[in-house]
Amino acid sequence: MNIGSKGRLGEEAVVKYLREKGYIIVKRNYSTRFGEIDVIAENETHIIFTEVKFRSEDAFVSGAEAVDAFKQRRLRATAADFLSKLHLELQPRFDVAEVTESVENGQRKLKLKYMEDAF
């Protein structure tokens, strides 16, 4: 499975999780010249910009650690672009979803760690 397929698999897991929590998915893979936001969702009070990081179980750097200050600036700029096109009364929030892949008994398993208000 290539990196793009794994990324989509991780995003699907996050979208499923958010929907189960009652969030409405507004947009996926929103791209601008500043960068891309994987999943944009909303609830009653927040517009949520979620960065999805897919990692194997033995990865050197966790998904959360990969969202460094540079990546955070890009995400904020991309979110500002998105918000400039809408008239929302919702508070923005930046979340990070870490999807970890492991293999147990020959079967692939995904583990989701979702961090609200990550930065």
PDB file of N, CA and C in Angstrom:
ATOM      1  N   MET A   1       0.854  -1.179   0.000  1.00  0.00           N
ATOM      2  CA  MET A   1       0.000   0.000   0.000  1.00  0.00           C
ATOM      3  C   MET A   1       0.894   1.235   0.000  1.00  0.00           C
ATOM      4  N   ASN A   2       0.605   2.178  -0.878  1.00  0.00           N
ATOM      5  CA  ASN A   2       1.448   3.374  -0.970  1.00  0.00           C
ATOM      6  C   ASN A   2       1.022   4.432   0.049  1.00  0.00           C
ATOM      7  N   ILE A   3       1.846   5.470   0.154  1.00  0.00           N
ATOM      8  CA  ILE A   3       1.627   6.512   1.160  1.00  0.00           C
ATOM      9  C   ILE A   3       0.268   7.190   0.989  1.00  0.00           C
ATOM     10  N   GLY A   4      -0.110   7.485  -0.255  1.00  0.00           N
ATOM     11  CA  GLY A   4      -1.398   8.129  -0.502  1.00  0.00           C
ATOM     12  C   GLY A   4      -2.566   7.275  -0.054  1.00  0.00           C
ATOM     13  N   SER A   5      -2.488   5.971  -0.302  1.00  0.00           N
ATOM     14  CA  SER A   5      -3.547   5.050   0.112  1.00  0.00           C
ATOM     15  C   SER A   5      -3.639   4.982   1.632  1.00  0.00           C
ATOM     16  N   LYS A   6      -2.482   4.962   2.288  1.00  0.00           N
ATOM     17  CA  LYS A   6      -2.478   4.926   3.748  1.00  0.00           C
ATOM     18  C   LYS A   6      -3.054   6.212   4.320  1.00  0.00           C
ATOM     19  N   GLY A   7      -2.700   7.334   3.710  1.00  0.00           N
ATOM     20  CA  GLY A   7      -3.245   8.614   4.161  1.00  0.00           C
ATOM     21  C   GLY A   7      -4.756   8.648   4.050  1.00  0.00           C
ATOM     22  N   ARG A   8      -5.272   8.160   2.925  1.00  0.00           N
ATOM     23  CA  ARG A   8      -6.733   8.119   2.739  1.00  0.00           C
ATOM     24  C   ARG A   8      -7.380   7.178   3.757  1.00  0.00           C
ATOM     25  N   LEU A   9      -6.725   6.055   4.033  1.00  0.00           N
ATOM     26  CA  LEU A   9      -7.231   5.118   5.022  1.00  0.00           C
ATOM     27  C   LEU A   9      -7.314   5.786   6.395  1.00  0.00           C
ATOM     28  N   GLY A  10      -6.282   6.538   6.745  1.00  0.00           N
ATOM     29  CA  GLY A  10      -6.282   7.277   8.009  1.00  0.00           C
ATOM     30  C   GLY A  10      -7.378   8.323   8.050  1.00  0.00           C
ATOM     31  N   GLU A  11      -7.542   9.053   6.956  1.00  0.00           N
ATOM     32  CA  GLU A  11      -8.591  10.077   6.899  1.00  0.00           C
ATOM     33  C   GLU A  11      -9.975   9.447   7.033  1.00  0.00           C
ATOM     34  N   GLU A  12     -10.184   8.305   6.393  1.00  0.00           N
ATOM     35  CA  GLU A  12     -11.478   7.618   6.504  1.00  0.00           C
ATOM     36  C   GLU A  12     -11.774   7.244   7.953  1.00  0.00           C
ATOM     37  N   ALA A  13     -10.758   6.767   8.668  1.00  0.00           N
ATOM     38  CA  ALA A  13     -10.930   6.408  10.075  1.00  0.00           C
ATOM     39  C   ALA A  13     -11.310   7.630  10.906  1.00  0.00           C
ATOM     40  N   VAL A  14     -10.679   8.760  10.611  1.00  0.00           N
ATOM     41  CA  VAL A  14     -10.963   9.990  11.350  1.00  0.00           C
ATOM     42  C   VAL A  14     -12.365  10.501  11.031  1.00  0.00           C
ATOM     43  N   VAL A  15     -12.741  10.481   9.764  1.00  0.00           N
ATOM     44  CA  VAL A  15     -14.084  10.927   9.372  1.00  0.00           C
ATOM     45  C   VAL A  15     -15.145  10.061  10.055  1.00  0.00           C
ATOM     46  N   LYS A  16     -14.933   8.764  10.080  1.00  0.00           N
ATOM     47  CA  LYS A  16     -15.879   7.857  10.747  1.00  0.00           C
ATOM     48  C   LYS A  16     -15.978   8.209  12.232  1.00  0.00           C
ATOM     49  N   TYR A  17     -14.843   8.420  12.871  1.00  0.00           N
ATOM     50  CA  TYR A  17     -14.811   8.779  14.292  1.00  0.00           C
ATOM     51  C   TYR A  17     -15.589  10.074  14.545  1.00  0.00           C
ATOM     52  N   LEU A  18     -15.329  11.099  13.740  1.00  0.00           N
ATOM     53  CA  LEU A  18     -15.992  12.389  13.918  1.00  0.00           C
ATOM     54  C   LEU A  18     -17.500  12.273  13.719  1.00  0.00           C
ATOM     55  N   ARG A  19     -17.908  11.545  12.698  1.00  0.00           N
ATOM     56  CA  ARG A  19     -19.352  11.362  12.461  1.00  0.00           C
ATOM     57  C   ARG A  19     -20.012  10.640  13.630  1.00  0.00           C
ATOM     58  N   GLU A  20     -19.327   9.635  14.175  1.00  0.00           N
ATOM     59  CA  GLU A  20     -19.870   8.912  15.326  1.00  0.00           C
ATOM     60  C   GLU A  20     -20.030   9.823  16.544  1.00  0.00           C
ATOM     61  N   LYS A  21     -19.186  10.856  16.625  1.00  0.00           N
ATOM     62  CA  LYS A  21     -19.263  11.827  17.722  1.00  0.00           C
ATOM     63  C   LYS A  21     -20.277  12.932  17.439  1.00  0.00           C
ATOM     64  N   GLY A  22     -20.937  12.886  16.290  1.00  0.00           N
ATOM     65  CA  GLY A  22     -21.963  13.860  15.963  1.00  0.00           C
ATOM     66  C   GLY A  22     -21.491  15.074  15.184  1.00  0.00           C
ATOM     67  N   TYR A  23     -20.240  15.070  14.737  1.00  0.00           N
ATOM     68  CA  TYR A  23     -19.718  16.174  13.946  1.00  0.00           C
ATOM     69  C   TYR A  23     -20.238  16.090  12.516  1.00  0.00           C
ATOM     70  N   ILE A  24     -20.344  17.232  11.885  1.00  0.00           N
ATOM     71  CA  ILE A  24     -20.702  17.313  10.466  1.00  0.00           C
ATOM     72  C   ILE A  24     -19.408  17.560   9.699  1.00  0.00           C
ATOM     73  N   ILE A  25     -19.156  16.751   8.696  1.00  0.00           N
ATOM     74  CA  ILE A  25     -17.964  16.932   7.863  1.00  0.00           C
ATOM     75  C   ILE A  25     -18.289  18.005   6.830  1.00  0.00           C
ATOM     76  N   VAL A  26     -17.514  19.085   6.854  1.00  0.00           N
ATOM     77  CA  VAL A  26     -17.742  20.228   5.977  1.00  0.00           C
ATOM     78  C   VAL A  26     -16.930  20.092   4.689  1.00  0.00           C
ATOM     79  N   LYS A  27     -15.676  19.674   4.818  1.00  0.00           N
ATOM     80  CA  LYS A  27     -14.781  19.611   3.664  1.00  0.00           C
ATOM     81  C   LYS A  27     -13.641  18.655   3.984  1.00  0.00           C
ATOM     82  N   ARG A  28     -13.139  18.003   2.950  1.00  0.00           N
ATOM     83  CA  ARG A  28     -11.964  17.145   3.076  1.00  0.00           C
ATOM     84  C   ARG A  28     -10.918  17.625   2.088  1.00  0.00           C
ATOM     85  N   ASN A  29      -9.679  17.561   2.503  1.00  0.00           N
ATOM     86  CA  ASN A  29      -8.536  17.918   1.652  1.00  0.00           C
ATOM     87  C   ASN A  29      -8.666  19.315   1.060  1.00  0.00           C
ATOM     88  N   TYR A  30      -8.901  20.283   1.923  1.00  0.00           N
ATOM     89  CA  TYR A  30      -8.992  21.680   1.490  1.00  0.00           C
ATOM     90  C   TYR A  30      -7.580  22.198   1.244  1.00  0.00           C
ATOM     91  N   SER A  31      -7.309  22.593  -0.002  1.00  0.00           N
ATOM     92  CA  SER A  31      -5.961  23.023  -0.388  1.00  0.00           C
ATOM     93  C   SER A  31      -5.924  24.479  -0.814  1.00  0.00           C
ATOM     94  N   THR A  32      -4.854  25.142  -0.412  1.00  0.00           N
ATOM     95  CA  THR A  32      -4.563  26.497  -0.860  1.00  0.00           C
ATOM     96  C   THR A  32      -3.069  26.562  -1.135  1.00  0.00           C
ATOM     97  N   ARG A  33      -2.591  27.733  -1.499  1.00  0.00           N
ATOM     98  CA  ARG A  33      -1.151  27.902  -1.705  1.00  0.00           C
ATOM     99  C   ARG A  33      -0.381  27.794  -0.394  1.00  0.00           C
ATOM    100  N   PHE A  34      -1.088  27.903   0.731  1.00  0.00           N
ATOM    101  CA  PHE A  34      -0.448  27.817   2.041  1.00  0.00           C
ATOM    102  C   PHE A  34      -0.251  26.370   2.490  1.00  0.00           C
ATOM    103  N   GLY A  35      -1.148  25.498   2.061  1.00  0.00           N
ATOM    104  CA  GLY A  35      -1.078  24.102   2.474  1.00  0.00           C
ATOM    105  C   GLY A  35      -2.426  23.430   2.331  1.00  0.00           C
ATOM    106  N   GLU A  36      -2.578  22.333   3.044  1.00  0.00           N
ATOM    107  CA  GLU A  36      -3.803  21.539   2.968  1.00  0.00           C
ATOM    108  C   GLU A  36      -4.278  21.176   4.368  1.00  0.00           C
ATOM    109  N   ILE A  37      -5.594  21.178   4.536  1.00  0.00           N
ATOM    110  CA  ILE A  37      -6.209  20.687   5.762  1.00  0.00           C
ATOM    111  C   ILE A  37      -6.940  19.411   5.404  1.00  0.00           C
ATOM    112  N   ASP A  38      -6.656  18.354   6.152  1.00  0.00           N
ATOM    113  CA  ASP A  38      -7.187  17.034   5.816  1.00  0.00           C
ATOM    114  C   ASP A  38      -8.694  16.936   5.992  1.00  0.00           C
ATOM    115  N   VAL A  39      -9.187  17.365   7.161  1.00  0.00           N
ATOM    116  CA  VAL A  39     -10.624  17.267   7.445  1.00  0.00           C
ATOM    117  C   VAL A  39     -11.077  18.541   8.147  1.00  0.00           C
ATOM    118  N   ILE A  40     -12.164  19.118   7.627  1.00  0.00           N
ATOM    119  CA  ILE A  40     -12.805  20.257   8.285  1.00  0.00           C
ATOM    120  C   ILE A  40     -14.194  19.793   8.686  1.00  0.00           C
ATOM    121  N   ALA A  41     -14.493  19.959   9.970  1.00  0.00           N
ATOM    122  CA  ALA A  41     -15.786  19.512  10.502  1.00  0.00           C
ATOM    123  C   ALA A  41     -16.351  20.613  11.397  1.00  0.00           C
ATOM    124  N   GLU A  42     -17.594  20.430  11.799  1.00  0.00           N
ATOM    125  CA  GLU A  42     -18.185  21.383  12.729  1.00  0.00           C
ATOM    126  C   GLU A  42     -19.106  20.669  13.697  1.00  0.00           C
ATOM    127  N   ASN A  43     -19.272  21.304  14.852  1.00  0.00           N
ATOM    128  CA  ASN A  43     -20.298  20.905  15.807  1.00  0.00           C
ATOM    129  C   ASN A  43     -21.066  22.169  16.168  1.00  0.00           C
ATOM    130  N   GLU A  44     -21.771  22.158  17.263  1.00  0.00           N
ATOM    131  CA  GLU A  44     -22.605  23.309  17.609  1.00  0.00           C
ATOM    132  C   GLU A  44     -21.791  24.570  17.890  1.00  0.00           C
ATOM    133  N   THR A  45     -20.565  24.405  18.371  1.00  0.00           N
ATOM    134  CA  THR A  45     -19.791  25.557  18.823  1.00  0.00           C
ATOM    135  C   THR A  45     -18.490  25.813  18.066  1.00  0.00           C
ATOM    136  N   HIS A  46     -17.966  24.816  17.359  1.00  0.00           N
ATOM    137  CA  HIS A  46     -16.642  24.938  16.745  1.00  0.00           C
ATOM    138  C   HIS A  46     -16.626  24.548  15.262  1.00  0.00           C
ATOM    139  N   ILE A  47     -15.728  25.205  14.550  1.00  0.00           N
ATOM    140  CA  ILE A  47     -15.313  24.729  13.229  1.00  0.00           C
ATOM    141  C   ILE A  47     -13.951  24.095  13.486  1.00  0.00           C
ATOM    142  N   ILE A  48     -13.819  22.828  13.149  1.00  0.00           N
ATOM    143  CA  ILE A  48     -12.646  22.047  13.550  1.00  0.00           C
ATOM    144  C   ILE A  48     -11.794  21.731  12.332  1.00  0.00           C
ATOM    145  N   PHE A  49     -10.532  22.114  12.422  1.00  0.00           N
ATOM    146  CA  PHE A  49      -9.548  21.836  11.378  1.00  0.00           C
ATOM    147  C   PHE A  49      -8.670  20.697  11.893  1.00  0.00           C
ATOM    148  N   THR A  50      -8.765  19.544  11.253  1.00  0.00           N
ATOM    149  CA  THR A  50      -8.069  18.361  11.748  1.00  0.00           C
ATOM    150  C   THR A  50      -6.954  17.948  10.802  1.00  0.00           C
ATOM    151  N   GLU A  51      -5.771  17.841  11.360  1.00  0.00           N
ATOM    152  CA  GLU A  51      -4.602  17.318  10.650  1.00  0.00           C
ATOM    153  C   GLU A  51      -4.500  15.834  10.986  1.00  0.00           C
ATOM    154  N   VAL A  52      -4.486  15.004   9.962  1.00  0.00           N
ATOM    155  CA  VAL A  52      -4.409  13.556  10.140  1.00  0.00           C
ATOM    156  C   VAL A  52      -2.984  13.104   9.834  1.00  0.00           C
ATOM    157  N   LYS A  53      -2.408  12.371  10.763  1.00  0.00           N
ATOM    158  CA  LYS A  53      -1.066  11.827  10.572  1.00  0.00           C
ATOM    159  C   LYS A  53      -1.144  10.303  10.697  1.00  0.00           C
ATOM    160  N   PHE A  54      -0.734   9.622   9.645  1.00  0.00           N
ATOM    161  CA  PHE A  54      -0.746   8.163   9.613  1.00  0.00           C
ATOM    162  C   PHE A  54       0.675   7.673   9.849  1.00  0.00           C
ATOM    163  N   ARG A  55       0.837   6.755  10.772  1.00  0.00           N
ATOM    164  CA  ARG A  55       2.155   6.229  11.112  1.00  0.00           C
ATOM    165  C   ARG A  55       2.083   4.723  11.299  1.00  0.00           C
ATOM    166  N   SER A  56       3.202   4.069  11.021  1.00  0.00           N
ATOM    167  CA  SER A  56       3.299   2.662  11.379  1.00  0.00           C
ATOM    168  C   SER A  56       3.673   2.587  12.849  1.00  0.00           C
ATOM    169  N   GLU A  57       3.467   1.436  13.436  1.00  0.00           N
ATOM    170  CA  GLU A  57       3.692   1.254  14.868  1.00  0.00           C
ATOM    171  C   GLU A  57       5.138   1.546  15.281  1.00  0.00           C
ATOM    172  N   ASP A  58       6.076   1.311  14.373  1.00  0.00           N
ATOM    173  CA  ASP A  58       7.495   1.483  14.694  1.00  0.00           C
ATOM    174  C   ASP A  58       8.080   2.797  14.174  1.00  0.00           C
ATOM    175  N   ALA A  59       7.225   3.775  13.898  1.00  0.00           N
ATOM    176  CA  ALA A  59       7.690   5.060  13.363  1.00  0.00           C
ATOM    177  C   ALA A  59       8.582   5.779  14.367  1.00  0.00           C
ATOM    178  N   PHE A  60       9.575   6.467  13.839  1.00  0.00           N
ATOM    179  CA  PHE A  60      10.515   7.242  14.652  1.00  0.00           C
ATOM    180  C   PHE A  60       9.840   8.404  15.377  1.00  0.00           C
ATOM    181  N   VAL A  61       8.972   9.095  14.655  1.00  0.00           N
ATOM    182  CA  VAL A  61       8.314  10.294  15.170  1.00  0.00           C
ATOM    183  C   VAL A  61       6.812  10.044  15.187  1.00  0.00           C
ATOM    184  N   SER A  62       6.183  10.398  16.287  1.00  0.00           N
ATOM    185  CA  SER A  62       4.728  10.238  16.366  1.00  0.00           C
ATOM    186  C   SER A  62       4.045  11.237  15.437  1.00  0.00           C
ATOM    187  N   GLY A  63       2.794  10.973  15.140  1.00  0.00           N
ATOM    188  CA  GLY A  63       2.042  11.896  14.303  1.00  0.00           C
ATOM    189  C   GLY A  63       1.920  13.267  14.920  1.00  0.00           C
ATOM    190  N   ALA A  64       1.685  13.316  16.223  1.00  0.00           N
ATOM    191  CA  ALA A  64       1.555  14.600  16.914  1.00  0.00           C
ATOM    192  C   ALA A  64       2.856  15.387  16.855  1.00  0.00           C
ATOM    193  N   GLU A  65       3.979  14.716  17.011  1.00  0.00           N
ATOM    194  CA  GLU A  65       5.273  15.394  16.957  1.00  0.00           C
ATOM    195  C   GLU A  65       5.564  15.946  15.563  1.00  0.00           C
ATOM    196  N   ALA A  66       4.982  15.330  14.549  1.00  0.00           N
ATOM    197  CA  ALA A  66       5.203  15.776  13.174  1.00  0.00           C
ATOM    198  C   ALA A  66       4.492  17.090  12.868  1.00  0.00           C
ATOM    199  N   VAL A  67       3.553  17.482  13.709  1.00  0.00           N
ATOM    200  CA  VAL A  67       2.844  18.751  13.517  1.00  0.00           C
ATOM    201  C   VAL A  67       3.612  19.816  14.300  1.00  0.00           C
ATOM    202  N   ASP A  68       4.743  20.207  13.724  1.00  0.00           N
ATOM    203  CA  ASP A  68       5.640  21.168  14.372  1.00  0.00           C
ATOM    204  C   ASP A  68       5.167  22.604  14.140  1.00  0.00           C
ATOM    205  N   ALA A  69       5.931  23.563  14.641  1.00  0.00           N
ATOM    206  CA  ALA A  69       5.550  24.983  14.545  1.00  0.00           C
ATOM    207  C   ALA A  69       5.365  25.420  13.091  1.00  0.00           C
ATOM    208  N   PHE A  70       6.226  24.949  12.200  1.00  0.00           N
ATOM    209  CA  PHE A  70       6.105  25.307  10.777  1.00  0.00           C
ATOM    210  C   PHE A  70       4.780  24.788  10.213  1.00  0.00           C
ATOM    211  N   LYS A  71       4.452  23.527  10.491  1.00  0.00           N
ATOM    212  CA  LYS A  71       3.207  22.928  10.001  1.00  0.00           C
ATOM    213  C   LYS A  71       2.006  23.649  10.613  1.00  0.00           C
ATOM    214  N   GLN A  72       2.099  24.010  11.881  1.00  0.00           N
ATOM    215  CA  GLN A  72       1.004  24.724  12.529  1.00  0.00           C
ATOM    216  C   GLN A  72       0.745  26.072  11.867  1.00  0.00           C
ATOM    217  N   ARG A  73       1.811  26.802  11.517  1.00  0.00           N
ATOM    218  CA  ARG A  73       1.641  28.092  10.815  1.00  0.00           C
ATOM    219  C   ARG A  73       0.943  27.892   9.481  1.00  0.00           C
ATOM    220  N   ARG A  74       1.335  26.860   8.755  1.00  0.00           N
ATOM    221  CA  ARG A  74       0.699  26.576   7.459  1.00  0.00           C
ATOM    222  C   ARG A  74      -0.778  26.224   7.628  1.00  0.00           C
ATOM    223  N   LEU A  75      -1.073  25.432   8.653  1.00  0.00           N
ATOM    224  CA  LEU A  75      -2.471  25.060   8.910  1.00  0.00           C
ATOM    225  C   LEU A  75      -3.305  26.280   9.291  1.00  0.00           C
ATOM    226  N   ARG A  76      -2.749  27.153  10.116  1.00  0.00           N
ATOM    227  CA  ARG A  76      -3.475  28.375  10.497  1.00  0.00           C
ATOM    228  C   ARG A  76      -3.737  29.263   9.285  1.00  0.00           C
ATOM    229  N   ALA A  77      -2.751  29.391   8.414  1.00  0.00           N
ATOM    230  CA  ALA A  77      -2.925  30.211   7.215  1.00  0.00           C
ATOM    231  C   ALA A  77      -3.979  29.609   6.287  1.00  0.00           C
ATOM    232  N   THR A  78      -3.964  28.308   6.151  1.00  0.00           N
ATOM    233  CA  THR A  78      -4.956  27.631   5.310  1.00  0.00           C
ATOM    234  C   THR A  78      -6.347  27.776   5.917  1.00  0.00           C
ATOM    235  N   ALA A  79      -6.445  27.642   7.228  1.00  0.00           N
ATOM    236  CA  ALA A  79      -7.730  27.810   7.914  1.00  0.00           C
ATOM    237  C   ALA A  79      -8.250  29.241   7.762  1.00  0.00           C
ATOM    238  N   ALA A  80      -7.354  30.210   7.868  1.00  0.00           N
ATOM    239  CA  ALA A  80      -7.758  31.615   7.696  1.00  0.00           C
ATOM    240  C   ALA A  80      -8.319  31.842   6.298  1.00  0.00           C
ATOM    241  N   ASP A  81      -7.704  31.222   5.304  1.00  0.00           N
ATOM    242  CA  ASP A  81      -8.207  31.326   3.938  1.00  0.00           C
ATOM    243  C   ASP A  81      -9.612  30.731   3.850  1.00  0.00           C
ATOM    244  N   PHE A  82      -9.811  29.567   4.432  1.00  0.00           N
ATOM    245  CA  PHE A  82     -11.121  28.916   4.426  1.00  0.00           C
ATOM    246  C   PHE A  82     -12.157  29.802   5.110  1.00  0.00           C
ATOM    247  N   LEU A  83     -11.812  30.319   6.281  1.00  0.00           N
ATOM    248  CA  LEU A  83     -12.756  31.140   7.046  1.00  0.00           C
ATOM    249  C   LEU A  83     -13.080  32.463   6.369  1.00  0.00           C
ATOM    250  N   SER A  84     -12.145  32.990   5.590  1.00  0.00           N
ATOM    251  CA  SER A  84     -12.371  34.270   4.917  1.00  0.00           C
ATOM    252  C   SER A  84     -13.471  34.175   3.859  1.00  0.00           C
ATOM    253  N   LYS A  85     -13.787  32.969   3.441  1.00  0.00           N
ATOM    254  CA  LYS A  85     -14.803  32.765   2.403  1.00  0.00           C
ATOM    255  C   LYS A  85     -16.186  32.485   2.974  1.00  0.00           C
ATOM    256  N   LEU A  86     -16.263  32.382   4.302  1.00  0.00           N
ATOM    257  CA  LEU A  86     -17.536  32.046   4.953  1.00  0.00           C
ATOM    258  C   LEU A  86     -17.866  33.065   6.030  1.00  0.00           C
ATOM    259  N   HIS A  87     -19.096  33.076   6.430  1.00  0.00           N
ATOM    260  CA  HIS A  87     -19.532  33.934   7.536  1.00  0.00           C
ATOM    261  C   HIS A  87     -20.036  33.028   8.649  1.00  0.00           C
ATOM    262  N   LEU A  88     -19.094  32.477   9.395  1.00  0.00           N
ATOM    263  CA  LEU A  88     -19.441  31.539  10.456  1.00  0.00           C
ATOM    264  C   LEU A  88     -19.347  32.208  11.819  1.00  0.00           C
ATOM    265  N   GLU A  89     -20.202  31.788  12.701  1.00  0.00           N
ATOM    266  CA  GLU A  89     -20.167  32.271  14.078  1.00  0.00           C
ATOM    267  C   GLU A  89     -19.492  31.243  14.984  1.00  0.00           C
ATOM    268  N   LEU A  90     -18.844  30.264  14.403  1.00  0.00           N
ATOM    269  CA  LEU A  90     -18.232  29.192  15.177  1.00  0.00           C
ATOM    270  C   LEU A  90     -16.789  29.523  15.540  1.00  0.00           C
ATOM    271  N   GLN A  91     -16.377  29.055  16.693  1.00  0.00           N
ATOM    272  CA  GLN A  91     -15.003  29.233  17.161  1.00  0.00           C
ATOM    273  C   GLN A  91     -14.094  28.219  16.454  1.00  0.00           C
ATOM    274  N   PRO A  92     -12.980  28.665  15.871  1.00  0.00           N
ATOM    275  CA  PRO A  92     -12.071  27.695  15.240  1.00  0.00           C
ATOM    276  C   PRO A  92     -11.309  26.884  16.286  1.00  0.00           C
ATOM    277  N   ARG A  93     -11.026  25.624  15.923  1.00  0.00           N
ATOM    278  CA  ARG A  93     -10.253  24.740  16.791  1.00  0.00           C
ATOM    279  C   ARG A  93      -9.360  23.871  15.900  1.00  0.00           C
ATOM    280  N   PHE A  94      -8.140  23.643  16.354  1.00  0.00           N
ATOM    281  CA  PHE A  94      -7.193  22.831  15.601  1.00  0.00           C
ATOM    282  C   PHE A  94      -6.944  21.528  16.350  1.00  0.00           C
ATOM    283  N   ASP A  95      -7.279  20.420  15.698  1.00  0.00           N
ATOM    284  CA  ASP A  95      -7.113  19.098  16.277  1.00  0.00           C
ATOM    285  C   ASP A  95      -6.078  18.313  15.473  1.00  0.00           C
ATOM    286  N   VAL A  96      -5.499  17.316  16.104  1.00  0.00           N
ATOM    287  CA  VAL A  96      -4.584  16.402  15.429  1.00  0.00           C
ATOM    288  C   VAL A  96      -5.079  14.986  15.671  1.00  0.00           C
ATOM    289  N   ALA A  97      -5.154  14.215  14.611  1.00  0.00           N
ATOM    290  CA  ALA A  97      -5.549  12.807  14.701  1.00  0.00           C
ATOM    291  C   ALA A  97      -4.356  11.961  14.276  1.00  0.00           C
ATOM    292  N   GLU A  98      -3.957  11.085  15.167  1.00  0.00           N
ATOM    293  CA  GLU A  98      -2.828  10.198  14.910  1.00  0.00           C
ATOM    294  C   GLU A  98      -3.384   8.794  14.672  1.00  0.00           C
ATOM    295  N   VAL A  99      -3.197   8.291  13.471  1.00  0.00           N
ATOM    296  CA  VAL A  99      -3.655   6.947  13.132  1.00  0.00           C
ATOM    297  C   VAL A  99      -2.414   6.074  13.031  1.00  0.00           C
ATOM    298  N   THR A 100      -2.378   5.026  13.860  1.00  0.00           N
ATOM    299  CA  THR A 100      -1.225   4.135  13.904  1.00  0.00           C
ATOM    300  C   THR A 100      -1.631   2.769  13.387  1.00  0.00           C
ATOM    301  N   GLU A 101      -0.809   2.240  12.508  1.00  0.00           N
ATOM    302  CA  GLU A 101      -1.057   0.930  11.923  1.00  0.00           C
ATOM    303  C   GLU A 101      -0.174  -0.112  12.595  1.00  0.00           C
ATOM    304  N   SER A 102      -0.776  -1.234  12.929  1.00  0.00           N
ATOM    305  CA  SER A 102      -0.011  -2.364  13.436  1.00  0.00           C
ATOM    306  C   SER A 102      -0.538  -3.635  12.780  1.00  0.00           C
ATOM    307  N   VAL A 103       0.253  -4.679  12.846  1.00  0.00           N
ATOM    308  CA  VAL A 103      -0.166  -5.971  12.305  1.00  0.00           C
ATOM    309  C   VAL A 103      -0.182  -6.967  13.453  1.00  0.00           C
ATOM    310  N   GLU A 104      -1.349  -7.560  13.671  1.00  0.00           N
ATOM    311  CA  GLU A 104      -1.511  -8.560  14.719  1.00  0.00           C
ATOM    312  C   GLU A 104      -2.118  -9.807  14.110  1.00  0.00           C
ATOM    313  N   ASN A 105      -1.436 -10.921  14.295  1.00  0.00           N
ATOM    314  CA  ASN A 105      -1.895 -12.198  13.744  1.00  0.00           C
ATOM    315  C   ASN A 105      -2.166 -12.109  12.248  1.00  0.00           C
ATOM    316  N   GLY A 106      -1.303 -11.375  11.568  1.00  0.00           N
ATOM    317  CA  GLY A 106      -1.432 -11.249  10.118  1.00  0.00           C
ATOM    318  C   GLY A 106      -2.491 -10.276   9.650  1.00  0.00           C
ATOM    319  N   GLN A 107      -3.169  -9.618  10.569  1.00  0.00           N
ATOM    320  CA  GLN A 107      -4.208  -8.667  10.189  1.00  0.00           C
ATOM    321  C   GLN A 107      -3.809  -7.255  10.579  1.00  0.00           C
ATOM    322  N   ARG A 108      -4.094  -6.330   9.666  1.00  0.00           N
ATOM    323  CA  ARG A 108      -3.788  -4.922   9.922  1.00  0.00           C
ATOM    324  C   ARG A 108      -4.821  -4.334  10.866  1.00  0.00           C
ATOM    325  N   LYS A 109      -4.345  -3.606  11.863  1.00  0.00           N
ATOM    326  CA  LYS A 109      -5.215  -2.928  12.826  1.00  0.00           C
ATOM    327  C   LYS A 109      -4.852  -1.454  12.846  1.00  0.00           C
ATOM    328  N   LEU A 110      -5.862  -0.622  12.972  1.00  0.00           N
ATOM    329  CA  LEU A 110      -5.650   0.811  13.078  1.00  0.00           C
ATOM    330  C   LEU A 110      -6.045   1.274  14.473  1.00  0.00           C
ATOM    331  N   LYS A 111      -5.208   2.117  15.035  1.00  0.00           N
ATOM    332  CA  LYS A 111      -5.486   2.707  16.343  1.00  0.00           C
ATOM    333  C   LYS A 111      -5.554   4.219  16.149  1.00  0.00           C
ATOM    334  N   LEU A 112      -6.599   4.828  16.659  1.00  0.00           N
ATOM    335  CA  LEU A 112      -6.804   6.266  16.494  1.00  0.00           C
ATOM    336  C   LEU A 112      -6.619   6.967  17.823  1.00  0.00           C
ATOM    337  N   LYS A 113      -5.756   7.972  17.821  1.00  0.00           N
ATOM    338  CA  LYS A 113      -5.594   8.852  18.977  1.00  0.00           C
ATOM    339  C   LYS A 113      -5.978  10.239  18.497  1.00  0.00           C
ATOM    340  N   TYR A 114      -7.057  10.777  19.040  1.00  0.00           N
ATOM    341  CA  TYR A 114      -7.591  12.064  18.585  1.00  0.00           C
ATOM    342  C   TYR A 114      -7.348  13.113  19.662  1.00  0.00           C
ATOM    343  N   MET A 115      -6.648  14.181  19.290  1.00  0.00           N
ATOM    344  CA  MET A 115      -6.295  15.230  20.242  1.00  0.00           C
ATOM    345  C   MET A 115      -7.038  16.527  19.894  1.00  0.00           C
ATOM    346  N   GLU A 116      -8.006  16.864  20.709  1.00  0.00           N
ATOM    347  CA  GLU A 116      -8.762  18.104  20.515  1.00  0.00           C
ATOM    348  C   GLU A 116      -7.924  19.293  20.980  1.00  0.00           C
ATOM    349  N   ASP A 117      -8.105  20.401  20.286  1.00  0.00           N
ATOM    350  CA  ASP A 117      -7.446  21.655  20.656  1.00  0.00           C
ATOM    351  C   ASP A 117      -5.940  21.446  20.847  1.00  0.00           C
ATOM    352  N   ALA A 118      -5.337  20.791  19.854  1.00  0.00           N
ATOM    353  CA  ALA A 118      -3.919  20.371  19.937  1.00  0.00           C
ATOM    354  C   ALA A 118      -2.950  21.549  19.921  1.00  0.00           C
ATOM    355  N   PHE A 119      -3.338  22.632  19.279  1.00  0.00           N
ATOM    356  CA  PHE A 119      -2.459  23.825  19.250  1.00  0.00           C
ATOM    357  C   PHE A 119      -3.276  25.068  19.006  1.00  0.00           C
TER     358      PHE A 119
END
